[in-house]
Amino acid sequence: MRAHCVVIEEDPDIRSLLSLALSRAGFNVKTESTGAAGINAVAEDKDLGLVTVDVALHDLGGNDVLHALRGVSRAPILVISARAEPVDRLAALESGASAYLTKPFRLRDLQDLVHTLAPAN
């Protein structure tokens, strides 16, 4: 059985790219474009193997989303963000992220992180 992944990303092009890459990595992928919808999707999925989230969401603050996700799931959370400052990375990790990838990213870097965070896939 394939593990599930929820992608929380506002940009439709990046959302599609992540969905394709994670499907190829062995996940059943569900995508959401808002923090609120993403939190609900994560809370409903008991077979979750990975969550990706962009912390620059318009409906909720990124660190608030991370705290909420940690409240409903222990699945690894990979933040994928254009925010490249060390303070942003540290804040995300302190808020519950398992790893942080800066946009633009190479697909190889994404694949490496995914295999590290969810090695069964």
N, C-alpha and C. Protein backbone atom coordinates (compact mmCIF):
# COMPACT_ATOMS: atom_id res chain seq x y z
N MET A 1 0.83 -1.18 0.00
CA MET A 1 0.00 0.00 0.00
C MET A 1 0.89 1.25 0.00
N ARG A 2 0.54 2.19 -0.83
CA ARG A 2 1.30 3.44 -0.95
C ARG A 2 0.96 4.38 0.19
N ALA A 3 1.99 5.02 0.74
CA ALA A 3 1.77 6.03 1.78
C ALA A 3 1.12 7.26 1.15
N HIS A 4 0.46 8.02 1.96
CA HIS A 4 -0.20 9.23 1.50
C HIS A 4 0.65 10.45 1.79
N CYS A 5 0.48 11.46 0.95
CA CYS A 5 1.17 12.74 1.12
C CYS A 5 0.16 13.86 0.87
N VAL A 6 0.22 14.89 1.70
CA VAL A 6 -0.58 16.09 1.46
C VAL A 6 0.37 17.22 1.11
N VAL A 7 0.12 17.86 -0.02
CA VAL A 7 0.89 19.01 -0.48
C VAL A 7 0.04 20.26 -0.24
N ILE A 8 0.58 21.19 0.55
CA ILE A 8 -0.11 22.46 0.83
C ILE A 8 0.70 23.56 0.16
N GLU A 9 0.19 24.05 -0.96
CA GLU A 9 0.94 24.99 -1.80
C GLU A 9 -0.06 25.83 -2.59
N GLU A 10 0.09 27.17 -2.53
CA GLU A 10 -0.82 28.06 -3.26
C GLU A 10 -0.53 28.11 -4.76
N ASP A 11 0.72 28.09 -5.14
CA ASP A 11 1.07 28.23 -6.55
C ASP A 11 0.69 26.96 -7.32
N PRO A 12 -0.22 27.08 -8.29
CA PRO A 12 -0.69 25.87 -8.99
C PRO A 12 0.40 25.14 -9.76
N ASP A 13 1.38 25.85 -10.30
CA ASP A 13 2.46 25.19 -11.04
C ASP A 13 3.35 24.38 -10.11
N ILE A 14 3.72 24.96 -8.97
CA ILE A 14 4.55 24.23 -8.01
C ILE A 14 3.75 23.08 -7.41
N ARG A 15 2.47 23.31 -7.14
CA ARG A 15 1.61 22.25 -6.61
C ARG A 15 1.59 21.06 -7.56
N SER A 16 1.44 21.32 -8.85
CA SER A 16 1.43 20.24 -9.86
C SER A 16 2.78 19.53 -9.93
N LEU A 17 3.86 20.29 -9.90
CA LEU A 17 5.21 19.71 -9.93
C LEU A 17 5.43 18.80 -8.72
N LEU A 18 5.07 19.29 -7.55
CA LEU A 18 5.23 18.48 -6.33
C LEU A 18 4.37 17.22 -6.39
N SER A 19 3.15 17.37 -6.86
CA SER A 19 2.26 16.21 -6.97
C SER A 19 2.85 15.14 -7.88
N LEU A 20 3.36 15.56 -9.02
CA LEU A 20 3.97 14.61 -9.96
C LEU A 20 5.21 13.95 -9.36
N ALA A 21 6.10 14.76 -8.79
CA ALA A 21 7.34 14.22 -8.23
C ALA A 21 7.06 13.26 -7.07
N LEU A 22 6.12 13.62 -6.21
CA LEU A 22 5.83 12.75 -5.06
C LEU A 22 5.06 11.50 -5.47
N SER A 23 4.24 11.60 -6.50
CA SER A 23 3.58 10.41 -7.04
C SER A 23 4.63 9.43 -7.57
N ARG A 24 5.61 9.96 -8.27
CA ARG A 24 6.69 9.12 -8.81
C ARG A 24 7.55 8.53 -7.70
N ALA A 25 7.57 9.21 -6.53
CA ALA A 25 8.33 8.69 -5.38
C ALA A 25 7.53 7.65 -4.60
N GLY A 26 6.31 7.36 -5.03
CA GLY A 26 5.54 6.29 -4.41
C GLY A 26 4.39 6.71 -3.51
N PHE A 27 4.02 7.97 -3.52
CA PHE A 27 2.94 8.46 -2.67
C PHE A 27 1.63 8.60 -3.42
N ASN A 28 0.54 8.40 -2.71
CA ASN A 28 -0.77 8.87 -3.15
C ASN A 28 -0.85 10.31 -2.67
N VAL A 29 -0.98 11.25 -3.59
CA VAL A 29 -0.85 12.67 -3.25
C VAL A 29 -2.21 13.36 -3.29
N LYS A 30 -2.47 14.14 -2.25
CA LYS A 30 -3.62 15.04 -2.20
C LYS A 30 -3.05 16.45 -2.11
N THR A 31 -3.58 17.37 -2.90
CA THR A 31 -3.09 18.73 -2.88
C THR A 31 -4.15 19.68 -2.34
N GLU A 32 -3.67 20.69 -1.65
CA GLU A 32 -4.53 21.75 -1.11
C GLU A 32 -3.85 23.09 -1.36
N SER A 33 -4.65 24.13 -1.59
CA SER A 33 -4.10 25.44 -1.90
C SER A 33 -4.14 26.42 -0.74
N THR A 34 -4.73 26.02 0.38
CA THR A 34 -4.78 26.91 1.55
C THR A 34 -4.33 26.16 2.80
N GLY A 35 -3.89 26.90 3.78
CA GLY A 35 -3.47 26.29 5.04
C GLY A 35 -4.62 25.59 5.74
N ALA A 36 -5.79 26.22 5.76
CA ALA A 36 -6.94 25.63 6.44
C ALA A 36 -7.35 24.30 5.81
N ALA A 37 -7.43 24.27 4.48
CA ALA A 37 -7.79 23.03 3.80
C ALA A 37 -6.72 21.96 4.01
N GLY A 38 -5.46 22.39 4.02
CA GLY A 38 -4.37 21.45 4.25
C GLY A 38 -4.42 20.83 5.64
N ILE A 39 -4.68 21.65 6.64
CA ILE A 39 -4.80 21.13 8.01
C ILE A 39 -5.93 20.11 8.10
N ASN A 40 -7.06 20.42 7.49
CA ASN A 40 -8.19 19.48 7.49
C ASN A 40 -7.84 18.18 6.78
N ALA A 41 -7.15 18.27 5.64
CA ALA A 41 -6.77 17.07 4.90
C ALA A 41 -5.82 16.20 5.71
N VAL A 42 -4.88 16.83 6.40
CA VAL A 42 -3.93 16.08 7.22
C VAL A 42 -4.66 15.43 8.40
N ALA A 43 -5.57 16.15 9.02
CA ALA A 43 -6.30 15.61 10.17
C ALA A 43 -7.15 14.41 9.80
N GLU A 44 -7.64 14.37 8.58
CA GLU A 44 -8.51 13.28 8.12
C GLU A 44 -7.76 12.05 7.65
N ASP A 45 -6.48 12.16 7.37
CA ASP A 45 -5.72 11.06 6.76
C ASP A 45 -4.89 10.33 7.81
N LYS A 46 -5.26 9.10 8.08
CA LYS A 46 -4.56 8.30 9.09
C LYS A 46 -3.39 7.50 8.51
N ASP A 47 -3.23 7.50 7.18
CA ASP A 47 -2.13 6.77 6.53
C ASP A 47 -1.08 7.73 5.97
N LEU A 48 -0.94 8.87 6.60
CA LEU A 48 -0.08 9.92 6.07
C LEU A 48 1.39 9.60 6.30
N GLY A 49 2.18 9.70 5.21
CA GLY A 49 3.61 9.46 5.31
C GLY A 49 4.43 10.72 5.19
N LEU A 50 3.82 11.82 4.66
CA LEU A 50 4.56 13.05 4.45
C LEU A 50 3.59 14.20 4.20
N VAL A 51 3.99 15.38 4.67
CA VAL A 51 3.28 16.62 4.37
C VAL A 51 4.31 17.59 3.83
N THR A 52 3.98 18.29 2.74
CA THR A 52 4.81 19.41 2.30
C THR A 52 3.97 20.66 2.46
N VAL A 53 4.62 21.74 2.87
CA VAL A 53 3.88 22.99 3.09
C VAL A 53 4.76 24.19 2.74
N ASP A 54 4.14 25.14 2.05
CA ASP A 54 4.77 26.43 1.82
C ASP A 54 4.31 27.33 2.95
N VAL A 55 5.23 27.94 3.67
CA VAL A 55 4.84 28.76 4.82
C VAL A 55 4.35 30.14 4.42
N ALA A 56 4.43 30.50 3.14
CA ALA A 56 3.93 31.79 2.68
C ALA A 56 2.52 31.63 2.11
N LEU A 57 1.60 31.24 2.97
CA LEU A 57 0.21 31.06 2.57
C LEU A 57 -0.57 32.33 2.89
N HIS A 58 -1.61 32.60 2.11
CA HIS A 58 -2.36 33.84 2.31
C HIS A 58 -3.43 33.73 3.39
N ASP A 59 -3.92 32.54 3.67
CA ASP A 59 -5.03 32.45 4.63
C ASP A 59 -4.57 32.33 6.08
N LEU A 60 -3.44 31.70 6.31
CA LEU A 60 -2.92 31.49 7.67
C LEU A 60 -1.41 31.70 7.67
N GLY A 61 -0.86 32.12 8.80
CA GLY A 61 0.58 32.24 8.92
C GLY A 61 1.23 30.87 8.85
N GLY A 62 2.36 30.80 8.19
CA GLY A 62 3.04 29.52 8.00
C GLY A 62 3.36 28.78 9.28
N ASN A 63 3.87 29.51 10.28
CA ASN A 63 4.20 28.83 11.53
C ASN A 63 2.95 28.39 12.28
N ASP A 64 1.85 29.12 12.11
CA ASP A 64 0.57 28.69 12.69
C ASP A 64 0.10 27.38 12.04
N VAL A 65 0.29 27.29 10.72
CA VAL A 65 -0.06 26.06 10.01
C VAL A 65 0.79 24.90 10.53
N LEU A 66 2.08 25.13 10.71
CA LEU A 66 2.97 24.07 11.20
C LEU A 66 2.55 23.61 12.60
N HIS A 67 2.25 24.54 13.49
CA HIS A 67 1.79 24.17 14.84
C HIS A 67 0.50 23.35 14.76
N ALA A 68 -0.43 23.78 13.91
CA ALA A 68 -1.70 23.05 13.77
C ALA A 68 -1.47 21.66 13.19
N LEU A 69 -0.59 21.55 12.21
CA LEU A 69 -0.29 20.23 11.63
C LEU A 69 0.30 19.30 12.68
N ARG A 70 1.20 19.81 13.50
CA ARG A 70 1.79 18.99 14.57
C ARG A 70 0.73 18.57 15.59
N GLY A 71 -0.32 19.35 15.72
CA GLY A 71 -1.39 18.99 16.64
C GLY A 71 -2.26 17.85 16.15
N VAL A 72 -2.23 17.58 14.85
CA VAL A 72 -3.10 16.53 14.29
C VAL A 72 -2.34 15.37 13.67
N SER A 73 -1.01 15.48 13.52
CA SER A 73 -0.26 14.42 12.85
C SER A 73 1.20 14.40 13.30
N ARG A 74 1.76 13.20 13.30
CA ARG A 74 3.20 13.03 13.58
C ARG A 74 3.98 12.78 12.29
N ALA A 75 3.31 12.86 11.14
CA ALA A 75 3.98 12.63 9.86
C ALA A 75 5.08 13.67 9.65
N PRO A 76 6.15 13.30 8.96
CA PRO A 76 7.19 14.28 8.65
C PRO A 76 6.62 15.44 7.84
N ILE A 77 7.08 16.65 8.16
CA ILE A 77 6.64 17.85 7.45
C ILE A 77 7.86 18.47 6.76
N LEU A 78 7.76 18.60 5.45
CA LEU A 78 8.80 19.23 4.66
C LEU A 78 8.31 20.61 4.24
N VAL A 79 8.96 21.65 4.73
CA VAL A 79 8.64 23.01 4.31
C VAL A 79 9.38 23.29 3.01
N ILE A 80 8.65 23.81 2.02
CA ILE A 80 9.25 24.21 0.75
C ILE A 80 8.87 25.68 0.56
N SER A 81 9.87 26.56 0.69
CA SER A 81 9.57 27.99 0.77
C SER A 81 10.60 28.83 0.03
N ALA A 82 10.15 29.98 -0.45
CA ALA A 82 11.06 30.95 -1.06
C ALA A 82 11.79 31.75 0.00
N ARG A 83 11.34 31.66 1.23
CA ARG A 83 12.01 32.38 2.32
C ARG A 83 13.32 31.66 2.64
N ALA A 84 14.42 32.35 2.38
CA ALA A 84 15.73 31.70 2.47
C ALA A 84 16.57 32.15 3.66
N GLU A 85 16.05 33.03 4.47
CA GLU A 85 16.83 33.53 5.61
C GLU A 85 16.93 32.46 6.70
N PRO A 86 18.07 32.38 7.37
CA PRO A 86 18.22 31.39 8.45
C PRO A 86 17.14 31.51 9.53
N VAL A 87 16.69 32.72 9.81
CA VAL A 87 15.65 32.90 10.83
C VAL A 87 14.34 32.23 10.41
N ASP A 88 14.03 32.24 9.11
CA ASP A 88 12.82 31.58 8.61
C ASP A 88 12.92 30.07 8.75
N ARG A 89 14.08 29.54 8.41
CA ARG A 89 14.32 28.09 8.54
C ARG A 89 14.21 27.67 10.01
N LEU A 90 14.85 28.42 10.88
CA LEU A 90 14.82 28.11 12.30
C LEU A 90 13.40 28.18 12.86
N ALA A 91 12.65 29.21 12.49
CA ALA A 91 11.27 29.35 12.97
C ALA A 91 10.41 28.17 12.51
N ALA A 92 10.60 27.74 11.27
CA ALA A 92 9.83 26.60 10.76
C ALA A 92 10.17 25.32 11.52
N LEU A 93 11.46 25.09 11.74
CA LEU A 93 11.87 23.89 12.45
C LEU A 93 11.38 23.91 13.90
N GLU A 94 11.40 25.06 14.52
CA GLU A 94 10.89 25.18 15.89
C GLU A 94 9.38 25.03 15.96
N SER A 95 8.69 25.30 14.84
CA SER A 95 7.23 25.19 14.80
C SER A 95 6.75 23.81 14.41
N GLY A 96 7.66 22.89 14.14
CA GLY A 96 7.25 21.52 13.86
C GLY A 96 7.71 20.92 12.55
N ALA A 97 8.38 21.70 11.71
CA ALA A 97 8.87 21.15 10.45
C ALA A 97 9.98 20.14 10.70
N SER A 98 10.03 19.13 9.87
CA SER A 98 11.09 18.12 9.94
C SER A 98 12.29 18.49 9.09
N ALA A 99 12.04 19.22 8.01
CA ALA A 99 13.10 19.64 7.09
C ALA A 99 12.62 20.87 6.33
N TYR A 100 13.58 21.55 5.69
CA TYR A 100 13.30 22.83 5.01
C TYR A 100 14.03 22.84 3.69
N LEU A 101 13.30 23.12 2.62
CA LEU A 101 13.87 23.19 1.27
C LEU A 101 13.52 24.55 0.70
N THR A 102 14.53 25.24 0.16
CA THR A 102 14.32 26.59 -0.35
C THR A 102 14.01 26.57 -1.85
N LYS A 103 13.01 27.36 -2.25
CA LYS A 103 12.69 27.57 -3.66
C LYS A 103 13.63 28.61 -4.23
N PRO A 104 14.02 28.50 -5.47
CA PRO A 104 13.77 27.35 -6.33
C PRO A 104 14.62 26.17 -5.88
N PHE A 105 14.12 24.99 -6.12
CA PHE A 105 14.82 23.79 -5.69
C PHE A 105 15.04 22.86 -6.88
N ARG A 106 16.01 21.99 -6.72
CA ARG A 106 16.25 20.96 -7.73
C ARG A 106 15.42 19.73 -7.35
N LEU A 107 14.87 19.07 -8.33
CA LEU A 107 14.09 17.86 -8.05
C LEU A 107 14.91 16.82 -7.32
N ARG A 108 16.18 16.75 -7.63
CA ARG A 108 17.06 15.79 -6.95
C ARG A 108 17.12 16.07 -5.45
N ASP A 109 17.18 17.35 -5.06
CA ASP A 109 17.19 17.71 -3.65
C ASP A 109 15.89 17.32 -2.98
N LEU A 110 14.77 17.54 -3.68
CA LEU A 110 13.47 17.12 -3.15
C LEU A 110 13.44 15.61 -2.95
N GLN A 111 13.88 14.87 -3.95
CA GLN A 111 13.88 13.41 -3.86
C GLN A 111 14.74 12.92 -2.70
N ASP A 112 15.89 13.51 -2.53
CA ASP A 112 16.79 13.11 -1.44
C ASP A 112 16.13 13.36 -0.08
N LEU A 113 15.51 14.51 0.10
CA LEU A 113 14.84 14.81 1.37
C LEU A 113 13.67 13.87 1.62
N VAL A 114 12.90 13.61 0.59
CA VAL A 114 11.75 12.71 0.73
C VAL A 114 12.21 11.32 1.15
N HIS A 115 13.27 10.82 0.54
CA HIS A 115 13.77 9.50 0.92
C HIS A 115 14.34 9.47 2.32
N THR A 116 14.86 10.59 2.77
CA THR A 116 15.37 10.69 4.14
C THR A 116 14.21 10.74 5.15
N LEU A 117 13.18 11.53 4.83
CA LEU A 117 12.05 11.72 5.75
C LEU A 117 11.10 10.54 5.77
N ALA A 118 10.90 9.92 4.62
CA ALA A 118 9.94 8.82 4.51
C ALA A 118 10.59 7.68 3.74
N PRO A 119 11.57 6.99 4.35
CA PRO A 119 12.38 6.01 3.63
C PRO A 119 11.64 4.79 3.10
N ALA A 120 10.44 4.54 3.57
CA ALA A 120 9.70 3.36 3.12
C ALA A 120 9.12 3.54 1.73
N ASN A 121 9.18 4.76 1.18
CA ASN A 121 8.56 5.02 -0.13
C ASN A 121 9.57 5.03 -1.23
